Structures are given as structure tokens and as C-alpha cells.
Amino acid sequence: MTRATGIGSWPGTDVREAILTTRDLLLDADGLGLPYVPETPARGPGADLIGRGAGLLVDLHVDLQPSGWRFVDRPGKDAARTAALIRQDLDELAEAYDGYTGPLKLQVAGAWTLAASVELNRGERSVSDPGATRDLLASLSEGISRYAADARRLIPGADLVIQLDEPSLPAVLQGLLPNASGYGRVRAVDPQVVGTGLRALVEAQSAPVVIHCCHPSAPIPLLRNTAAAALALDVTDATPARWESLAATIESGIGLYAGALPTDGTASVERGKRLVLDAFETVGLAAEHLDALTLTPACGLASSTVAGARHTQRTAIDLARDLTEEATR
């Protein structure tokens, strides 16, 4: 069965409305929907991807500076605000999913994206310091485990799926991140180091992990070797060569969260279906492999209108239904 879910972010500032909307859309989908905890970054600092992820770190503290999030010696008001937003999300989640039994996806910033964004106290990006990066990875691993434990305590029937968001991964690997002065670049990190770090983070979790990177040059072979249960990638403009790599991923038993729907409100079932089926035909994937797909928007929906986000999410469900029928023909 082909399934449908969202990437994570949702428009607006009303977290209760976001949770209820995505819950109702995905649970009223004949078993095809994978509900998730929507993120509402429009609430401000601490609700954004980096601030929220940094708020999960254990024994590492951050504060918001004009240049962005930075490590500090002791937690301040920014850390307190972030913690309050996360608690609000969990409280609303517990109420909305009271008595629920089934899968539920949580999204968190990945270690390499956090290291690419959070600054050391001297202003350089954490990723420029191997020791700081190792500390961040270990701290985040523990923080994700605690976050998942809180979700399980509040919703005992939930079978959690953890999504690591790694939008900065290609920049880390290609040495494209500007340094503190802005006149140079942070040195590229060795792919083996990146892969080893991701694998350690994945293997430390007690739930299946999905790694998400919507960048067009997301390193599929590297991600395939991280022990992730699935990869979440934007496939709207994927080339035949990229689909060959995706086919190898699927055939190796790794799921694909296929971002086959644009996020600008123009998503349609027919275009999405044609994209996926044409790609499967081009690379010789049998229809039975449609069961490995979970259909998603190409990326998060925070920049959409609420109506547009509803349309895109509903289209993902309808597309999953059509592809499920296609697989049984």
C-alpha cells in the first residue's frame, strides 16, 4: 500500500489548529495516511527548524544573537521560550491523539544541519570544529531520545517514526557554507565522517528513522548507507539518473518518501501520478515497488496559505490512493 504524509512545517501560528487539521486529513484516509506533528515556525524564534532542534540538545545551551543561534554557557530567555513552545506542542498533541493507536511521525533538525547553523561562542559555525560537532551529535542523539520518550508517555499507543531534517547537508559536503567573516567558506566535511555521524544518530534511536533532504543534490548513496528506514526527497525535478539511484534505494529495502507534489498550491493527482509512473517505467521498477512509497509535498508547507496546505496534503492522500490501486492491477 502506498501511503501519504507531510514533511513537517505548516502555515500559521495556531498549533492546535495545525495538529487537528493534519490529524483529521491523514486519519480520514482509509489507512493510507501517516499523521505527523506539524511544526509552525511562524510562531517565531524557537519554533523554527534550528531553534527547535537546538532546544532538544542535552547539556548544550543556545541563545539567539543577531547572526542566529549561538552556544552559550547557560540557558537564557530564548532557551526558555523554545522549551515552552515544545511543551505546548506536546500538550496539544496529547489532547488531539488521546487514545490513539498507530503510527505518528516526529520531525527534528538533523545534526549536520544544526552544526551548519548554530555558532560557537567565537562566531564560527559549529561544523568548522570537529570536536564541537561530535559533542553536538551526541547531545542531539540524547535529546531526540528524550523527546520521543515524552511523546510515547503522552500517547502510549503511538508507533513513532522520527524524521531527521537535513537541508544543509549538501552545503556541508560541498564546502559552500560561508565562514564568520563572510569572505571565505567553511571547509567541506569528509563524506565518510558525515555518513558515520548520521549512522550513529540513526542507530541510537528506538524508532525507525527517515532522513529528509529536499535539496536537488541530496547525496542519495551516502544516505542509503546510514541505516535509515526511508529517505525523504524532492522528486519533482529528478533526472533519470537520479531515479536510477532511487530505484537502487528502493530495491535495497529502503523506503522512499517521494516529494512528488509542488508546494505552491498547484499540486494535482494526475501530474503526480504521471511523474511517478513514468519514472518507474523509465528505470524498470515494477508496480509492486509502489508499496515502498510514501507520498509527500516536495518540502514543508510553512510558506503556503492554510487553504493551500490543506489542498496539497489532501492531494498527497488522493495520489497515494490512486497508486495503491495501480499496484494491485
Foldseek 3Di string as FASTA:
>chain_A
DAAAEAFAEAADDDQLVVQLLQCVLQVPQVPRRAAERHQYCVNDQLSDQLNLLQLLFDCWEWDADPQGIETDNDHDPSSVVNVVVLVVSLVSNLVSQPPNAEEYEYEHAALVQNQLTYHYPVQWRNLLPVVSSVSSLVRSLVSVQVSVVSNCVSNVRYQYEYEHEYQCVVCQQVQPRATRVSPGTRDRDDLVVVLVSLLVSQVSHPHAYEYEYAPLVPPLVSVLNSNHQEYEYECCPPDLVRLLSVLVSLVVRHAYAYQQAELALPGALVSSLCSVVVSCVSNVNALLSSRSYYYYHSHHNHPPDNVSVSNRSSRSSVNSVVSVVVSVD
